[in-house]
Amino acid sequence: MEPHSLPLSIQHGHRFPSVYVHDHGNLFQGDVHHHHYPQQVTDRVDAFGLCFGSAPLIEPQDFIGRRVEIDAVIQILQPGSIPTEQRRVVLGGMGGIGKTQLAIAYARQCQYEYASIFWLNATSELTLQAGYRSIVARFINAQGLEILNPEQIVARAHKWLSDICNPRWLLIFDNYDEPDQFDVVRYYPNTAHGSIIITSRRPDLVNAQQVHIQPLSDVQEALEILQQRSQRENVEDGKSTCAARKNNLLTLAGV
């Protein structure tokens, strides 16, 4: 059975100290989409849906453009064939150009291709280990979690990700900008399934297929982003046709 044909219901979980409320609104920071599959489909593993944790999020309607880059990621991670190896892509580009939001936009758009999606802060080894701890916290109790050291936490997460009944997951290693400080490969599950996105200012030092994020070249997209972020109406009415004005707009909106 193809993944998209599985019966699926989605609920958003807004978690509070003593209340668990379900609704069908937009995804907010820290929320989790719970994908509920029939027991015979999931067998021994749970599906956790979108888990963005403390990722810096913008509303989906505020993400404009980047269609070419998203299509490139889709071609790498979802080529249409049965995977024989782990699929990885690195989004490379200067700081502030939109690598994180592109990764999140892909995850939102293609969420039904995956049973679980986790965003991990790869700024440092400590933040990455904390991210893995948040993954493991979903399937073992707090008391069991407390006695595990960072290496055991990562090993426990890798065991779950390597389960043959759990092939449809996506990990986003965000802001891996200092490859000389630690090797992110140590944190990849050693399995022939699953998908990985890495965002980095040094994509040349990451072993993955590369998608380079360039400043926006489409003036219309730049104007739309500028209007969204400035909350100003009719930005187009005041635009100049001169080359200097065009370059300024693209610089402002290309972040």
Protein backbone atom coordinates (compact mmCIF):
# COMPACT_ATOMS: atom_id res chain seq x y z
CA MET A 1 0.00 0.00 0.00
CA GLU A 2 1.36 3.44 -0.94
CA PRO A 3 2.00 5.78 2.06
CA HIS A 4 -0.43 8.44 0.80
CA SER A 5 -3.32 5.97 0.65
CA LEU A 6 -3.17 5.12 4.34
CA PRO A 7 -6.21 6.22 6.36
CA LEU A 8 -4.99 9.14 8.42
CA SER A 9 -6.39 11.58 10.93
CA ILE A 10 -4.48 14.60 12.21
CA GLN A 11 -4.94 16.50 15.43
CA HIS A 12 -2.99 19.36 16.89
CA GLY A 13 -2.02 18.97 20.54
CA HIS A 14 -1.75 22.17 22.58
CA ARG A 15 -0.24 20.96 25.82
CA PHE A 16 -0.91 22.72 29.12
CA PRO A 17 -0.10 21.64 32.72
CA SER A 18 -3.30 19.63 33.25
CA VAL A 19 -5.26 19.97 30.02
CA TYR A 20 -4.88 18.40 26.58
CA VAL A 21 -6.90 20.18 23.93
CA HIS A 22 -7.34 19.12 20.29
CA ASP A 23 -8.23 21.47 17.48
CA HIS A 24 -7.72 21.86 13.75
CA GLY A 25 -6.11 25.30 13.52
CA ASN A 26 -2.66 26.37 12.36
CA LEU A 27 0.57 24.95 13.71
CA PHE A 28 2.05 27.09 16.47
CA GLN A 29 5.57 27.05 17.88
CA GLY A 30 6.15 24.00 20.06
CA ASP A 31 3.03 22.21 18.84
CA VAL A 32 3.03 18.63 17.65
CA HIS A 33 0.89 17.11 14.91
CA HIS A 34 -0.10 13.61 15.97
CA HIS A 35 -0.63 11.30 13.00
CA HIS A 36 -2.87 8.39 13.96
CA TYR A 37 -2.52 5.29 11.79
CA PRO A 38 -4.35 1.99 12.31
CA GLN A 39 -2.49 -0.41 14.62
CA GLN A 40 -1.84 -2.91 11.83
CA VAL A 41 0.00 -0.19 9.88
CA THR A 42 2.31 1.14 12.60
CA ASP A 43 2.84 -2.29 14.19
CA ARG A 44 5.48 -1.63 16.88
CA VAL A 45 6.31 2.07 16.49
CA ASP A 46 4.51 5.35 17.10
CA ALA A 47 4.04 8.17 14.61
CA PHE A 48 4.70 11.62 16.07
CA GLY A 49 4.07 13.89 13.07
CA LEU A 50 5.59 17.38 12.95
CA CYS A 51 7.79 18.08 15.98
CA PHE A 52 9.39 21.51 15.60
CA GLY A 53 10.14 22.09 19.29
CA SER A 54 11.86 25.46 19.69
CA ALA A 55 12.49 26.02 15.98
CA PRO A 56 12.11 29.65 14.85
CA LEU A 57 8.80 29.51 12.98
CA ILE A 58 6.97 31.88 10.69
CA GLU A 59 3.37 31.39 9.68
CA PRO A 60 2.95 29.30 6.49
CA GLN A 61 1.26 32.21 4.67
CA ASP A 62 4.31 34.37 5.38
CA PHE A 63 6.65 32.00 3.53
CA ILE A 64 6.77 33.23 -0.06
CA GLY A 65 8.61 31.89 -3.09
CA ARG A 66 11.54 29.45 -3.09
CA ARG A 67 9.56 27.08 -5.31
CA VAL A 68 12.67 26.05 -7.25
CA GLU A 69 14.58 25.17 -4.07
CA ILE A 70 11.70 23.22 -2.54
CA ASP A 71 11.27 21.24 -5.76
CA ALA A 72 15.00 20.47 -5.71
CA VAL A 73 14.71 19.09 -2.16
CA ILE A 74 11.70 16.99 -3.19
CA GLN A 75 13.67 15.53 -6.10
CA ILE A 76 16.49 14.48 -3.77
CA LEU A 77 14.44 13.16 -0.85
CA GLN A 78 11.48 11.77 -2.79
CA PRO A 79 12.72 10.54 -6.18
CA GLY A 80 9.83 8.06 -6.39
CA SER A 81 11.85 4.86 -6.04
CA ILE A 82 12.13 2.52 -3.08
CA PRO A 83 15.07 3.81 -1.01
CA THR A 84 18.20 1.68 -0.87
CA GLU A 85 20.13 4.21 1.16
CA GLN A 86 19.50 7.07 3.54
CA ARG A 87 18.56 10.24 1.65
CA ARG A 88 20.33 13.45 2.67
CA VAL A 89 20.33 17.02 1.42
CA VAL A 90 22.23 20.05 2.71
CA LEU A 91 20.76 23.53 2.29
CA GLY A 92 23.72 25.88 1.97
CA GLY A 93 23.94 29.64 1.96
CA MET A 94 24.91 32.74 3.90
CA GLY A 95 23.47 33.42 7.33
CA GLY A 96 19.94 34.83 7.38
CA ILE A 97 19.10 33.89 3.81
CA GLY A 98 16.25 31.57 4.81
CA LYS A 99 17.70 28.05 5.07
CA THR A 100 15.81 27.20 8.26
CA GLN A 101 12.46 28.44 6.96
CA LEU A 102 12.96 26.59 3.68
CA ALA A 103 13.57 23.33 5.57
CA ILE A 104 10.46 23.92 7.69
CA ALA A 105 8.40 24.88 4.63
CA TYR A 106 9.39 21.60 2.97
CA ALA A 107 8.46 19.68 6.13
CA ARG A 108 5.05 21.33 6.28
CA GLN A 109 4.34 20.83 2.59
CA CYS A 110 5.43 17.18 2.56
CA GLN A 111 4.40 16.17 6.07
CA TYR A 112 2.16 13.34 4.85
CA GLU A 113 5.17 11.63 3.30
CA TYR A 114 6.56 11.08 6.80
CA ALA A 115 5.27 9.50 9.99
CA SER A 116 7.57 11.64 12.17
CA ILE A 117 9.52 14.85 11.56
CA PHE A 118 11.98 16.24 14.11
CA TRP A 119 13.78 19.60 14.08
CA LEU A 120 17.18 19.47 15.85
CA ASN A 121 19.34 22.45 16.77
CA ALA A 122 22.81 21.57 15.46
CA THR A 123 24.47 24.84 16.51
CA SER A 124 26.60 22.84 18.97
CA GLU A 125 26.96 19.28 20.17
CA LEU A 126 25.20 20.19 23.42
CA THR A 127 22.13 21.59 21.67
CA LEU A 128 22.02 18.58 19.36
CA GLN A 129 22.17 16.16 22.30
CA ALA A 130 19.35 18.09 23.96
CA GLY A 131 17.31 17.66 20.78
CA TYR A 132 17.84 13.92 20.82
CA ARG A 133 16.78 13.85 24.46
CA SER A 134 13.48 15.45 23.45
CA ILE A 135 12.97 12.68 20.87
CA VAL A 136 13.62 9.90 23.36
CA ALA A 137 11.35 11.60 25.92
CA ARG A 138 8.41 10.77 23.66
CA PHE A 139 8.70 7.03 24.10
CA ILE A 140 10.29 6.43 27.52
CA ASN A 141 9.20 7.78 30.90
CA ALA A 142 10.95 10.64 32.68
CA GLN A 143 12.54 8.41 35.30
CA GLY A 144 14.12 6.22 32.66
CA LEU A 145 15.33 9.28 30.78
CA GLU A 146 17.13 10.72 33.81
CA ILE A 147 19.51 7.78 34.16
CA LEU A 148 20.72 7.88 30.54
CA ASN A 149 23.85 9.81 29.57
CA PRO A 150 24.05 11.69 26.22
CA GLU A 151 25.62 8.74 24.37
CA GLN A 152 22.90 6.40 25.63
CA ILE A 153 20.22 8.91 24.67
CA VAL A 154 21.50 9.10 21.09
CA ALA A 155 21.83 5.31 20.93
CA ARG A 156 18.23 4.88 22.14
CA ALA A 157 16.96 7.36 19.53
CA HIS A 158 18.95 5.64 16.79
CA LYS A 159 17.51 2.28 17.77
CA TRP A 160 13.98 3.66 17.36
CA LEU A 161 14.82 5.39 14.06
CA SER A 162 16.48 2.21 12.73
CA ASP A 163 13.45 0.00 13.35
CA ILE A 164 12.37 -1.58 10.05
CA CYS A 165 8.78 -0.71 10.95
CA ASN A 166 9.76 2.97 11.23
CA PRO A 167 11.20 3.92 7.81
CA ARG A 168 9.25 7.13 7.16
CA TRP A 169 10.96 9.78 9.26
CA LEU A 170 12.69 13.11 8.55
CA LEU A 171 15.39 14.72 10.72
CA ILE A 172 16.30 18.39 10.24
CA PHE A 173 19.78 19.26 11.56
CA ASP A 174 19.57 23.04 11.62
CA ASN A 175 22.45 25.56 11.75
CA TYR A 176 25.35 23.11 11.43
CA ASP A 177 27.72 26.00 10.75
CA GLU A 178 30.89 24.82 12.52
CA PRO A 179 31.80 21.38 11.14
CA ASP A 180 35.30 21.70 12.62
CA GLN A 181 33.79 21.58 16.14
CA PHE A 182 32.06 18.19 15.85
CA ASP A 183 31.11 15.61 13.23
CA VAL A 184 27.35 15.60 12.66
CA VAL A 185 27.61 12.22 10.91
CA ARG A 186 27.92 10.62 14.35
CA TYR A 187 24.33 11.69 14.96
CA TYR A 188 22.91 10.13 11.79
CA PRO A 189 21.10 6.81 12.38
CA ASN A 190 23.07 3.98 10.79
CA THR A 191 20.31 2.66 8.59
CA ALA A 192 19.38 2.51 4.90
CA HIS A 193 16.08 4.33 5.36
CA GLY A 194 14.91 7.76 6.48
CA SER A 195 15.58 11.29 5.24
CA ILE A 196 17.85 14.03 6.57
CA ILE A 197 18.06 17.79 5.91
CA ILE A 198 21.06 19.77 7.10
CA THR A 199 21.26 23.56 6.96
CA SER A 200 24.77 25.00 6.95
CA ARG A 201 26.89 27.96 5.95
CA ARG A 202 29.57 25.39 5.03
CA PRO A 203 27.76 22.93 2.77
CA ASP A 204 31.08 21.97 1.15
CA LEU A 205 32.02 20.19 4.40
CA VAL A 206 28.78 18.21 4.65
CA ASN A 207 28.42 14.82 2.99
CA ALA A 208 25.05 15.23 1.28
CA GLN A 209 23.55 16.41 -1.99
CA GLN A 210 23.61 20.20 -2.05
CA VAL A 211 20.93 22.78 -2.70
CA HIS A 212 22.36 26.32 -2.60
CA ILE A 213 20.03 29.06 -1.37
CA GLN A 214 20.63 32.25 -3.30
CA PRO A 215 19.27 35.77 -2.71
CA LEU A 216 15.90 36.22 -4.39
CA SER A 217 16.12 37.30 -8.02
CA ASP A 218 12.39 37.75 -8.57
CA VAL A 219 11.38 41.35 -7.82
CA GLN A 220 7.70 40.43 -7.35
CA GLU A 221 8.54 37.80 -4.71
CA ALA A 222 10.86 40.29 -2.99
CA LEU A 223 8.07 42.88 -2.87
CA GLU A 224 5.61 40.35 -1.45
CA ILE A 225 8.04 39.37 1.31
CA LEU A 226 8.80 43.02 2.08
CA GLN A 227 5.08 43.77 2.32
CA GLN A 228 4.47 40.78 4.60
CA ARG A 229 7.31 41.59 6.96
CA SER A 230 6.78 45.34 7.07
CA GLN A 231 2.97 44.96 7.39
CA ARG A 232 2.65 47.79 4.87
CA GLU A 233 0.00 47.85 2.18
CA ASN A 234 0.60 48.64 -1.49
CA VAL A 235 4.36 48.36 -1.33
CA GLU A 236 4.39 48.01 -5.12
CA ASP A 237 2.88 51.49 -5.58
CA GLY A 238 5.96 53.14 -4.19
CA LYS A 239 8.60 51.08 -5.96
CA SER A 240 11.16 52.64 -8.27
CA THR A 241 12.19 51.10 -11.54
CA CYS A 242 15.80 52.08 -11.13
CA ALA A 243 18.39 49.32 -10.69
CA ALA A 244 19.56 50.59 -7.29
CA ARG A 245 16.02 50.40 -5.86
CA LYS A 246 15.59 46.89 -7.23
CA ASN A 247 18.82 45.71 -5.60
CA ASN A 248 17.81 47.21 -2.26
CA LEU A 249 14.48 45.37 -2.35
CA LEU A 250 16.12 42.05 -3.15
CA THR A 251 18.65 42.53 -0.35
CA LEU A 252 15.94 43.31 2.20
CA ALA A 253 13.67 40.45 1.15
CA GLY A 254 16.30 37.82 0.52
CA VAL A 255 16.78 36.99 4.18
